[in-house]
Amino acid sequence: MKQNVSEKISSEEMRVLDNNAEWLGIPKSHLMECAGYSFATEVVNRYKLDENSKVVIFCGTGNNGGDGFVIARHLSSIGVKVLVILVGVPKNIRTKHANLNWNIIFEQLNSSIQVEIVKDSTDIGKIGALIKDIGGFELIIDGLLGTGIKGKIREPISSAIDLINVLKEEELNGIKIVSIDVPSGLNPNTGEVSDKAIKADLIITFHRAKIGFETKSEHVKEVIVKSIGIPQEANLFVGRGDLIPTLKVRRVDCHKGQFGKILVIGGSKKYSGAPAYASLAAINFGIDLVMTHVPQVIGNVLRNYSPNLIIRTSPGDWLNMKSFKEISQLINWSDSIIMGPGLGEEKETEELLINLLEKICQEKKPFVLDADALKLVKNHLDLIKNQPAILTPHEGELQIMTGVELPAYNKIDERGTIINKLAKNLSVTLLVKGPYDYLSNGRKIKINRTGCPEMSIGGSGDVLAGLCASFLATKNEPFQSACSAAFVNGLLGEYCKKNIGPRFTAMDMINNINKTILNAIKNF
């Protein structure tokens, strides 16, 4: 399933792809090298640069500056005289990839590349004078700021932007300004300039054009897109890049209840473990409060699972309309809801489910439908259309629910096309579990490949439902939540297999949620 390379991309989506490429085994230093080389090759060909040419590169302390250091090295290798201006101090270079390339040009290539360091705004005047004194520069390359710009620009970057724009206005020997990826100061998602920005003659951007480049302006005149080697798999397969932005953190002034409140509705006299697993997964994820509503017959069983569980019960062996009023109040309280684990398929439970869904949909609460709820809802699919919902069927449950039989899990194009169409028709997010998990909201489709065969045990799907609700409760969109939940759930299986052995349980997975997530984002 190929991505549309002509489609515009946001800065957030680009960061996801960068990190997913790294997850696939492509170091960010490789991407930086490809970016620098492709940029250098383009400007050499376009501006006919050779050993008689002079170029000045303004570099910040982020990865945009790192690209500039690589560009300097490649231009220097063909004899171009390069002046690198580091705007900021070397100790503030933020990533190991940028720092690596800074050390190369500063310590090893100092005979072919001239380097000047701007520690504060008072140095900018000297740099302007230096550029004029040397003279003959054909090109200024802007590598000051990347895609993460917000608000007012700080010094000395602010004065550096002013200097570059002044040099352009003075038209020193027809000097041209080329920006690396995005003109410094311009919001790549909107094209807006909140403070000031480089007035670029040309933008050489990477992988795909940014959304904010659609409208031409004094900052965006011409855009060229260059590949840096991000494979299509980085867009198709869920990776660490999808997970990182969904791992929200508590504010300093956060109090109990502000980091997620989840309601779990499930259980029956036949099944007590399923709602417990879903609830405990959410608790171990770090959700502030989880309420679990089950039939009275299993209430004390669940209480004995863990003192962390808060159990509410209704009389009987199965949930029915007698519990509607209390569950409705809990729906109002909750940030996300799980319906289905261990619920059973009784007619009285179906009646309750439909009435609760009407309430949930009216309130526009995000929810997860899992297990028995997927079977009970098959005759009521119109109820859930256009809702912030995640449905988590395996292929057998999907067939019961929709009548659709899927091709084999590894027939990516065929299976993906069918699931994407189903998600579009239902207007929900589908997470179809299997050796590969297929995820779609009808507009996007992704595949999760984490996990292992040893996860085909009772309770692993309930853990997944708990994770889906946790990402929803911490204010992530349903599709993002489903992707992150499937990814983490699979990693839990892999972690347990490696550290416990091939015979592990759902409780082993739950108890290792924190370690698994920390391990996944290590060295980020």
Protein backbone atom coordinates (compact mmCIF):
# COMPACT_ATOMS: atom_id res chain seq x y z
CA MET A 1 0.00 0.00 0.00
CA LYS A 2 1.99 2.92 -1.34
CA GLN A 3 1.94 6.43 0.06
CA ASN A 4 1.12 9.40 -2.16
CA VAL A 5 4.47 11.21 -2.41
CA SER A 6 2.79 14.33 -3.83
CA GLU A 7 0.62 14.72 -0.72
CA LYS A 8 1.62 17.53 1.64
CA ILE A 9 2.84 16.63 5.12
CA SER A 10 2.78 18.34 8.52
CA SER A 11 5.86 18.80 10.68
CA GLU A 12 4.35 16.38 13.24
CA GLU A 13 3.87 13.70 10.57
CA MET A 14 7.43 14.26 9.40
CA ARG A 15 8.78 13.68 12.93
CA VAL A 16 6.78 10.45 13.08
CA LEU A 17 8.38 9.26 9.85
CA ASP A 18 11.90 10.22 11.00
CA ASN A 19 11.47 8.20 14.18
CA ASN A 20 9.77 5.30 12.41
CA ALA A 21 12.67 5.11 9.95
CA GLU A 22 15.01 4.89 12.93
CA TRP A 23 12.81 2.14 14.39
CA LEU A 24 13.24 0.27 11.09
CA GLY A 25 17.01 0.42 11.58
CA ILE A 26 17.91 3.53 9.59
CA PRO A 27 19.95 5.81 11.89
CA LYS A 28 19.02 9.49 11.91
CA SER A 29 22.64 10.21 11.05
CA HIS A 30 22.01 8.42 7.72
CA LEU A 31 18.97 10.60 7.04
CA MET A 32 20.98 13.72 7.90
CA GLU A 33 23.75 12.62 5.55
CA CYS A 34 21.25 12.02 2.73
CA ALA A 35 19.60 15.40 3.37
CA GLY A 36 22.92 17.24 3.27
CA TYR A 37 24.12 15.43 0.17
CA SER A 38 20.88 15.88 -1.79
CA PHE A 39 20.77 19.59 -0.85
CA ALA A 40 24.41 20.16 -1.81
CA THR A 41 23.98 18.34 -5.13
CA GLU A 42 20.93 20.46 -5.99
CA VAL A 43 22.58 23.83 -5.31
CA VAL A 44 25.79 22.83 -7.10
CA ASN A 45 23.84 21.96 -10.24
CA ARG A 46 21.40 24.85 -10.05
CA TYR A 47 23.89 27.62 -9.28
CA LYS A 48 26.87 26.12 -11.17
CA LEU A 49 29.07 26.10 -8.07
CA ASP A 50 32.73 25.14 -8.43
CA GLU A 51 36.14 25.84 -6.89
CA ASN A 52 35.72 29.55 -7.68
CA SER A 53 32.43 29.80 -5.75
CA LYS A 54 31.85 31.10 -2.21
CA VAL A 55 28.95 30.06 0.03
CA VAL A 56 27.98 31.09 3.57
CA ILE A 57 25.90 28.72 5.69
CA PHE A 58 24.06 29.97 8.79
CA CYS A 59 23.50 27.07 11.16
CA GLY A 60 21.46 26.79 14.37
CA THR A 61 22.04 24.27 17.13
CA GLY A 62 19.30 21.81 16.06
CA ASN A 63 19.10 19.19 13.33
CA ASN A 64 18.53 21.90 10.71
CA GLY A 65 21.99 23.19 11.60
CA GLY A 66 23.26 19.60 11.49
CA ASP A 67 22.08 19.39 7.88
CA GLY A 68 24.04 22.62 7.26
CA PHE A 69 27.25 21.06 8.62
CA VAL A 70 26.84 18.13 6.22
CA ILE A 71 26.15 20.50 3.31
CA ALA A 72 29.35 22.42 4.15
CA ARG A 73 31.37 19.20 4.00
CA HIS A 74 29.96 18.18 0.61
CA LEU A 75 30.41 21.63 -0.93
CA SER A 76 33.94 21.80 0.40
CA SER A 77 34.74 18.41 -1.14
CA ILE A 78 34.36 19.88 -4.66
CA GLY A 79 36.40 22.96 -3.81
CA VAL A 80 33.66 25.47 -2.94
CA LYS A 81 34.90 27.99 -0.37
CA VAL A 82 32.54 27.63 2.59
CA LEU A 83 32.00 29.93 5.56
CA VAL A 84 29.92 28.31 8.35
CA ILE A 85 28.29 30.60 10.91
CA LEU A 86 27.18 28.72 14.03
CA VAL A 87 24.53 30.89 15.66
CA GLY A 88 24.76 29.63 19.23
CA VAL A 89 27.45 27.93 21.27
CA PRO A 90 28.69 24.40 20.44
CA LYS A 91 27.71 22.97 23.84
CA ASN A 92 24.07 23.73 23.01
CA ILE A 93 24.00 21.60 19.85
CA ARG A 94 21.00 19.47 20.71
CA THR A 95 21.38 16.08 19.03
CA LYS A 96 24.22 13.61 18.75
CA HIS A 97 23.82 13.55 14.96
CA ALA A 98 24.24 17.31 14.61
CA ASN A 99 27.08 17.27 17.14
CA LEU A 100 28.88 14.54 15.22
CA ASN A 101 28.86 16.60 12.03
CA TRP A 102 29.83 19.79 13.89
CA ASN A 103 32.91 18.09 15.35
CA ILE A 104 33.92 16.87 11.89
CA ILE A 105 33.96 20.32 10.31
CA PHE A 106 35.24 22.20 13.36
CA GLU A 107 38.02 19.85 14.41
CA GLN A 108 39.00 18.01 11.24
CA LEU A 109 38.08 20.18 8.23
CA ASN A 110 39.23 23.56 9.52
CA SER A 111 41.64 24.10 6.65
CA SER A 112 38.96 23.85 3.96
CA ILE A 113 35.96 25.25 5.89
CA GLN A 114 36.03 28.56 7.76
CA VAL A 115 33.94 28.56 10.93
CA GLU A 116 32.69 31.52 12.96
CA ILE A 117 30.69 31.25 16.18
CA VAL A 118 27.99 33.77 17.16
CA LYS A 119 27.59 33.61 20.94
CA ASP A 120 25.12 36.48 21.24
CA SER A 121 23.46 39.19 19.15
CA THR A 122 26.41 41.59 19.57
CA ASP A 123 28.45 39.32 17.26
CA ILE A 124 25.99 39.61 14.37
CA GLY A 125 27.33 43.00 13.23
CA LYS A 126 30.84 41.54 13.00
CA ILE A 127 29.55 38.66 10.89
CA GLY A 128 27.83 41.06 8.49
CA ALA A 129 31.06 43.03 8.14
CA LEU A 130 33.05 39.81 7.60
CA ILE A 131 30.75 38.65 4.79
CA LYS A 132 31.07 42.03 3.06
CA ASP A 133 34.86 42.13 3.57
CA ILE A 134 35.40 38.69 2.10
CA GLY A 135 32.96 39.45 -0.72
CA GLY A 136 32.01 37.36 -3.73
CA PHE A 137 29.50 35.12 -1.97
CA GLU A 138 26.99 33.68 -4.43
CA LEU A 139 24.78 31.88 -1.98
CA ILE A 140 23.53 32.13 1.59
CA ILE A 141 22.17 28.87 2.99
CA ASP A 142 19.70 29.17 5.85
CA GLY A 143 19.91 26.35 8.40
CA LEU A 144 18.97 28.32 11.49
CA LEU A 145 15.61 26.87 12.51
CA GLY A 146 13.66 23.77 11.56
CA THR A 147 10.02 22.79 11.76
CA GLY A 148 9.44 23.31 15.48
CA ILE A 149 9.28 27.13 15.54
CA LYS A 150 6.74 28.71 17.91
CA GLY A 151 6.18 32.28 19.02
CA LYS A 152 8.79 35.01 19.25
CA ILE A 153 12.26 34.14 17.98
CA ARG A 154 15.06 34.39 20.50
CA GLU A 155 18.44 36.00 20.11
CA PRO A 156 20.87 35.58 18.51
CA ILE A 157 18.74 33.75 15.90
CA SER A 158 16.46 36.79 15.55
CA SER A 159 19.34 39.11 14.62
CA ALA A 160 20.76 36.47 12.27
CA ILE A 161 17.46 36.34 10.35
CA ASP A 162 17.50 40.14 10.10
CA LEU A 163 21.08 40.06 8.76
CA ILE A 164 20.30 37.47 6.08
CA ASN A 165 17.26 39.42 4.90
CA VAL A 166 19.31 42.67 4.82
CA LEU A 167 22.05 40.98 2.77
CA LYS A 168 19.41 39.81 0.32
CA GLU A 169 17.89 43.31 0.04
CA GLU A 170 21.33 44.79 -0.60
CA GLU A 171 21.72 42.21 -3.39
CA LEU A 172 25.44 41.75 -2.86
CA ASN A 173 26.49 40.50 -6.29
CA GLY A 174 23.03 38.99 -6.82
CA ILE A 175 23.32 36.75 -3.76
CA LYS A 176 20.59 34.08 -3.44
CA ILE A 177 19.03 32.71 -0.25
CA VAL A 178 18.26 28.98 -0.05
CA SER A 179 16.58 27.52 3.05
CA ILE A 180 17.13 24.01 4.34
CA ASP A 181 13.74 22.24 4.59
CA VAL A 182 11.83 25.35 5.77
CA PRO A 183 12.60 29.11 5.88
CA SER A 184 13.67 29.86 9.45
CA GLY A 185 10.77 31.49 11.32
CA LEU A 186 7.99 30.22 9.06
CA ASN A 187 5.39 27.79 10.44
CA PRO A 188 5.57 24.81 8.04
CA ASN A 189 2.01 23.73 8.89
CA THR A 190 0.28 27.05 8.21
CA GLY A 191 2.72 29.18 6.21
CA GLU A 192 2.30 31.90 8.84
CA VAL A 193 5.09 34.03 10.29
CA SER A 194 4.44 34.90 13.94
CA ASP A 195 7.53 37.09 14.33
CA LYS A 196 9.99 37.17 11.43
CA ALA A 197 11.28 34.73 8.83
CA ILE A 198 13.86 34.26 6.10
CA LYS A 199 12.80 35.56 2.67
CA ALA A 200 14.02 32.58 0.71
CA ASP A 201 14.54 32.49 -3.04
CA LEU A 202 14.39 28.69 -2.88
CA ILE A 203 13.37 26.09 -0.32
CA ILE A 204 14.86 22.62 -0.64
CA THR A 205 12.60 20.51 1.55
CA PHE A 206 12.90 16.84 2.40
CA HIS A 207 10.74 13.77 1.74
CA ARG A 208 7.51 15.66 0.98
CA ALA A 209 6.42 19.28 0.70
CA LYS A 210 5.11 20.83 3.91
CA ILE A 211 1.47 21.92 4.20
CA GLY A 212 2.43 25.56 4.79
CA PHE A 213 4.15 25.82 1.40
CA GLU A 214 0.87 25.74 -0.54
CA THR A 215 0.58 29.54 -0.58
CA LYS A 216 3.34 31.51 -2.26
CA SER A 217 4.70 34.55 -0.40
CA GLU A 218 7.87 36.59 0.05
CA HIS A 219 9.11 33.69 2.20
CA VAL A 220 7.98 30.89 -0.11
CA LYS A 221 8.78 31.52 -3.77
CA GLU A 222 9.98 28.16 -5.06
CA VAL A 223 10.05 24.73 -3.44
CA ILE A 224 11.99 21.63 -4.46
CA VAL A 225 11.39 18.28 -2.73
CA LYS A 226 14.35 15.92 -2.29
CA SER A 227 14.31 12.33 -1.06
CA ILE A 228 16.43 11.51 2.00
CA GLY A 229 15.82 7.77 2.00
CA ILE A 230 12.79 7.45 4.28
CA PRO A 231 11.24 4.16 3.11
CA GLN A 232 7.53 3.65 2.50
CA GLU A 233 7.51 1.18 5.40
CA ALA A 234 8.03 4.12 7.80
CA ASN A 235 4.60 5.36 6.77
CA LEU A 236 2.86 1.98 6.56
CA PHE A 237 4.12 0.21 9.68
CA VAL A 238 3.51 1.51 13.19
CA GLY A 239 6.75 2.42 14.98
CA ARG A 240 8.23 4.39 17.79
CA GLY A 241 7.47 7.60 15.91
CA ASP A 242 3.74 6.92 16.27
CA LEU A 243 4.07 6.20 19.99
CA ILE A 244 6.15 9.15 21.18
CA PRO A 245 3.64 12.01 20.55
CA THR A 246 0.85 10.04 22.25
CA LEU A 247 2.75 9.61 25.53
CA LYS A 248 1.37 12.69 27.26
CA VAL A 249 2.89 13.96 30.53
CA ARG A 250 1.22 15.47 33.56
CA ARG A 251 1.31 19.23 34.03
CA VAL A 252 3.14 20.55 37.09
CA ASP A 253 -0.17 21.64 38.64
CA CYS A 254 -2.04 18.45 37.69
CA HIS A 255 -4.34 16.89 40.29
CA LYS A 256 -6.03 13.49 40.52
CA GLY A 257 -8.45 12.89 37.70
CA GLN A 258 -6.84 15.20 35.15
CA PHE A 259 -4.69 12.42 33.66
CA GLY A 260 -7.55 10.25 32.55
CA LYS A 261 -10.69 8.65 33.98
CA ILE A 262 -11.78 5.36 32.41
CA LEU A 263 -15.00 3.38 32.77
CA VAL A 264 -14.87 -0.37 32.04
CA ILE A 265 -18.22 -2.08 31.42
CA GLY A 266 -18.14 -5.86 31.22
CA GLY A 267 -18.04 -9.19 32.97
CA SER A 268 -20.64 -11.87 33.56
CA LYS A 269 -20.99 -14.99 35.66
CA LYS A 270 -18.95 -16.79 32.99
CA TYR A 271 -16.06 -14.31 32.79
CA SER A 272 -14.44 -12.29 35.56
CA GLY A 273 -10.86 -11.97 34.32
CA ALA A 274 -11.53 -9.98 31.13
CA PRO A 275 -12.76 -6.71 32.73
CA ALA A 276 -10.06 -7.02 35.40
CA TYR A 277 -7.31 -7.29 32.79
CA ALA A 278 -8.61 -4.27 30.84
CA SER A 279 -8.88 -2.22 34.04
CA LEU A 280 -5.48 -3.22 35.40
CA ALA A 281 -3.83 -2.44 32.06
CA ALA A 282 -5.21 1.11 32.28
CA ILE A 283 -4.13 1.44 35.92
CA ASN A 284 -0.59 0.21 35.19
CA PHE A 285 -0.42 2.55 32.20
CA GLY A 286 -0.77 5.39 34.69
CA ILE A 287 -4.41 6.45 34.29
CA ASP A 288 -5.55 8.35 37.37
CA LEU A 289 -8.90 6.65 37.99
CA VAL A 290 -10.51 3.51 36.60
CA MET A 291 -14.07 2.45 37.50
CA THR A 292 -15.11 -1.09 36.61
CA HIS A 293 -18.83 -1.92 36.45
CA VAL A 294 -19.69 -5.62 36.53
CA PRO A 295 -22.55 -7.91 37.63
CA GLN A 296 -22.72 -8.47 41.37
CA VAL A 297 -21.99 -12.18 40.97
CA ILE A 298 -18.31 -11.46 40.17
CA GLY A 299 -17.84 -8.20 42.09
CA ASN A 300 -15.90 -9.67 45.01
CA VAL A 301 -13.83 -11.83 42.67
CA LEU A 302 -12.60 -8.69 40.93
CA ARG A 303 -11.96 -6.90 44.21
CA ASN A 304 -9.61 -9.70 45.14
CA TYR A 305 -7.53 -9.16 41.99
CA SER A 306 -6.01 -5.91 43.25
CA PRO A 307 -6.67 -3.14 45.77
CA ASN A 308 -6.16 -0.73 42.87
CA LEU A 309 -9.47 -1.75 41.30
CA ILE A 310 -12.57 0.33 42.02
CA ILE A 311 -15.55 -1.96 41.49
CA ARG A 312 -19.20 -1.01 41.04
CA THR A 313 -21.82 -3.74 40.70
CA SER A 314 -25.41 -4.35 39.63
CA PRO A 315 -27.55 -7.28 40.84
CA GLY A 316 -27.55 -10.40 38.70
CA ASP A 317 -25.38 -12.70 36.63
CA TRP A 318 -25.28 -10.41 33.60
CA LEU A 319 -25.51 -6.67 33.15
CA ASN A 320 -28.97 -5.44 32.17
CA MET A 321 -31.14 -2.32 32.10
CA LYS A 322 -31.29 -2.24 35.92
CA SER A 323 -27.75 -0.87 35.83
CA PHE A 324 -28.45 1.78 33.19
CA LYS A 325 -28.87 4.73 35.56
CA GLU A 326 -25.65 4.18 37.50
CA ILE A 327 -23.59 3.42 34.40
CA SER A 328 -24.98 6.57 32.75
CA GLN A 329 -23.66 8.64 35.64
CA LEU A 330 -20.25 6.99 35.25
CA ILE A 331 -20.32 7.75 31.52
CA ASN A 332 -20.69 11.44 32.36
CA TRP A 333 -17.72 11.13 34.73
CA SER A 334 -15.39 9.29 32.37
CA ASP A 335 -12.92 10.45 29.71
CA SER A 336 -13.09 7.16 27.80
CA ILE A 337 -15.07 3.94 28.03
CA ILE A 338 -14.44 0.25 27.35
CA MET A 339 -17.46 -1.94 26.64
CA GLY A 340 -17.37 -5.67 26.09
CA PRO A 341 -14.67 -7.63 28.00
CA GLY A 342 -16.42 -10.74 29.38
CA LEU A 343 -19.83 -9.13 28.83
CA GLY A 344 -21.65 -12.19 27.50
CA GLU A 345 -24.25 -12.29 24.73
CA GLU A 346 -27.51 -12.34 26.67
CA LYS A 347 -30.51 -10.54 25.14
CA GLU A 348 -30.90 -8.37 28.25
CA THR A 349 -27.24 -7.34 27.95
CA GLU A 350 -27.72 -6.40 24.30
CA GLU A 351 -30.59 -4.12 25.29
CA LEU A 352 -28.36 -2.40 27.85
CA LEU A 353 -25.50 -2.08 25.38
CA ILE A 354 -27.69 -0.35 22.78
CA ASN A 355 -29.11 2.10 25.30
CA LEU A 356 -25.64 2.87 26.67
CA LEU A 357 -24.29 3.39 23.15
CA GLU A 358 -27.04 5.91 22.49
CA LYS A 359 -26.02 7.74 25.66
CA ILE A 360 -22.28 7.57 24.86
CA CYS A 361 -22.79 8.75 21.29
CA GLN A 362 -25.01 11.60 22.41
CA GLU A 363 -22.25 12.72 24.79
CA LYS A 364 -19.58 12.19 22.07
CA LYS A 365 -17.45 10.25 24.55
CA PRO A 366 -14.54 8.29 23.05
CA PHE A 367 -15.02 4.57 23.55
CA VAL A 368 -13.64 1.11 22.79
CA LEU A 369 -15.86 -1.77 21.70
CA ASP A 370 -14.23 -5.12 22.39
CA ALA A 371 -15.01 -8.83 22.61
CA ASP A 372 -18.71 -9.63 23.19
CA ALA A 373 -19.79 -6.05 22.53
CA LEU A 374 -18.64 -6.48 18.92
CA LYS A 375 -21.03 -9.41 18.49
CA LEU A 376 -23.93 -7.65 20.20
CA VAL A 377 -23.57 -4.51 18.07
CA LYS A 378 -23.70 -6.31 14.71
CA ASN A 379 -27.38 -5.41 14.17
CA HIS A 380 -26.91 -1.83 15.37
CA LEU A 381 -23.89 -0.59 13.42
CA ASP A 382 -25.63 2.64 12.40
CA LEU A 383 -25.48 3.67 16.07
CA ILE A 384 -21.70 3.95 16.12
CA LYS A 385 -21.11 5.70 12.80
CA ASN A 386 -19.11 8.93 12.93
CA GLN A 387 -18.22 8.35 16.59
CA PRO A 388 -14.78 8.65 18.28
CA ALA A 389 -14.69 4.89 18.63
CA ILE A 390 -12.13 2.10 18.37
CA LEU A 391 -13.39 -1.37 17.49
CA THR A 392 -10.94 -4.20 18.25
CA PRO A 393 -12.10 -7.39 16.49
CA HIS A 394 -9.99 -10.33 15.44
CA GLU A 395 -10.89 -11.58 11.97
CA GLY A 396 -13.52 -14.00 13.32
CA GLU A 397 -15.30 -11.26 15.26
CA LEU A 398 -15.07 -8.97 12.25
CA GLN A 399 -16.79 -11.61 10.13
CA ILE A 400 -19.57 -12.00 12.72
CA MET A 401 -19.98 -8.23 12.89
CA THR A 402 -19.84 -7.41 9.17
CA GLY A 403 -20.09 -10.69 7.26
CA VAL A 404 -16.72 -9.97 5.60
CA GLU A 405 -14.09 -12.69 5.35
CA LEU A 406 -10.54 -11.36 5.16
CA PRO A 407 -7.64 -12.67 3.06
CA ALA A 408 -4.49 -13.92 4.82
CA TYR A 409 -2.78 -11.53 7.26
CA ASN A 410 0.32 -11.15 5.07
CA LYS A 411 -1.61 -10.15 1.91
CA ILE A 412 -1.14 -6.52 2.80
CA ASP A 413 -2.71 -4.80 -0.20
CA GLU A 414 -5.80 -7.02 -0.35
CA ARG A 415 -6.45 -7.17 3.40
CA GLY A 416 -5.63 -3.51 3.92
CA THR A 417 -7.97 -2.36 1.14
CA ILE A 418 -10.91 -4.30 2.61
CA ILE A 419 -10.32 -3.08 6.17
CA ASN A 420 -9.88 0.50 5.02
CA LYS A 421 -13.19 0.32 3.14
CA LEU A 422 -14.98 -1.16 6.18
CA ALA A 423 -13.60 1.57 8.45
CA LYS A 424 -14.71 4.21 5.97
CA ASN A 425 -18.22 2.76 5.75
CA LEU A 426 -18.50 2.53 9.54
CA SER A 427 -16.78 5.91 10.09
CA VAL A 428 -14.86 4.53 13.08
CA THR A 429 -11.34 3.33 13.78
CA LEU A 430 -10.88 -0.39 13.21
CA LEU A 431 -8.09 -2.31 14.92
CA VAL A 432 -8.20 -5.79 13.42
CA LYS A 433 -6.05 -8.05 15.56
CA GLY A 434 -3.84 -10.79 14.16
CA PRO A 435 -0.21 -11.73 13.47
CA TYR A 436 -0.21 -8.28 11.85
CA ASP A 437 -2.66 -5.79 13.37
CA TYR A 438 -4.42 -3.70 10.71
CA LEU A 439 -5.55 -0.21 11.72
CA SER A 440 -7.71 2.17 9.72
CA ASN A 441 -10.05 5.12 10.21
CA GLY A 442 -11.15 5.07 6.56
CA ARG A 443 -8.62 7.72 5.59
CA LYS A 444 -5.35 6.24 6.78
CA ILE A 445 -4.23 2.66 7.19
CA LYS A 446 -1.31 1.33 9.19
CA ILE A 447 -0.04 -2.10 10.12
CA ASN A 448 1.47 -3.09 13.45
CA ARG A 449 4.05 -5.87 13.34
CA THR A 450 5.11 -5.97 17.01
CA GLY A 451 4.14 -9.04 18.99
CA CYS A 452 4.79 -12.78 19.02
CA PRO A 453 2.81 -16.05 18.71
CA GLU A 454 3.06 -16.55 22.48
CA MET A 455 0.55 -13.70 22.88
CA SER A 456 -2.28 -15.96 21.70
CA ILE A 457 -3.35 -16.39 25.34
CA GLY A 458 -6.44 -15.41 27.26
CA GLY A 459 -6.39 -11.78 28.34
CA SER A 460 -3.96 -10.25 25.84
CA GLY A 461 -6.86 -8.71 23.90
CA ASP A 462 -8.27 -7.26 27.12
CA VAL A 463 -4.89 -5.66 27.81
CA LEU A 464 -5.05 -4.14 24.33
CA ALA A 465 -8.52 -2.73 25.03
CA GLY A 466 -7.22 -1.17 28.25
CA LEU A 467 -4.33 0.43 26.39
CA CYS A 468 -6.64 1.80 23.67
CA ALA A 469 -8.83 3.45 26.31
CA SER A 470 -5.75 4.80 28.10
CA PHE A 471 -4.47 6.62 25.03
CA LEU A 472 -7.99 7.92 24.38
CA ALA A 473 -8.36 9.13 27.98
CA THR A 474 -5.12 11.09 27.72
CA LYS A 475 -6.53 13.14 24.84
CA ASN A 476 -5.29 11.35 21.74
CA GLU A 477 -7.35 10.85 18.59
CA PRO A 478 -8.85 7.35 18.09
CA PHE A 479 -6.57 6.38 15.18
CA GLN A 480 -3.43 7.54 17.01
CA SER A 481 -4.62 5.78 20.16
CA ALA A 482 -5.22 2.50 18.33
CA CYS A 483 -1.80 2.63 16.66
CA SER A 484 0.03 3.29 19.92
CA ALA A 485 -1.99 0.68 21.82
CA ALA A 486 -1.34 -2.05 19.26
CA PHE A 487 2.35 -1.15 19.15
CA VAL A 488 2.77 -1.23 22.94
CA ASN A 489 0.69 -4.39 23.31
CA GLY A 490 2.93 -6.19 20.84
CA LEU A 491 6.05 -4.89 22.56
CA LEU A 492 4.69 -6.21 25.87
CA GLY A 493 4.53 -9.70 24.37
CA GLU A 494 8.05 -9.41 22.99
CA TYR A 495 9.37 -8.08 26.31
CA CYS A 496 7.76 -10.88 28.31
CA LYS A 497 9.01 -13.56 25.93
CA LYS A 498 12.56 -12.22 26.17
CA ASN A 499 12.66 -11.58 29.91
CA ILE A 500 10.26 -14.19 31.34
CA GLY A 501 10.22 -16.88 28.69
CA PRO A 502 7.68 -18.17 26.17
CA ARG A 503 5.15 -19.12 28.88
CA PHE A 504 3.84 -15.82 30.19
CA THR A 505 0.39 -14.53 31.13
CA ALA A 506 -1.72 -11.44 30.59
CA MET A 507 -0.80 -10.37 34.14
CA ASP A 508 2.88 -10.60 33.17
CA MET A 509 2.14 -8.22 30.32
CA ILE A 510 0.25 -5.83 32.58
CA ASN A 511 3.01 -5.80 35.20
CA ASN A 512 5.61 -4.85 32.60
CA ILE A 513 3.82 -1.95 30.88
CA ASN A 514 6.04 0.74 32.40
CA LYS A 515 9.31 -1.10 31.67
CA THR A 516 8.26 -1.83 28.10
CA ILE A 517 7.34 1.78 27.31
CA LEU A 518 10.53 3.12 28.89
CA ASN A 519 12.54 0.60 26.88
CA ALA A 520 10.78 1.64 23.65
CA ILE A 521 11.57 5.34 24.05
CA LYS A 522 15.07 4.87 25.46
CA ASN A 523 17.70 7.08 23.82
CA PHE A 524 15.02 9.17 22.11
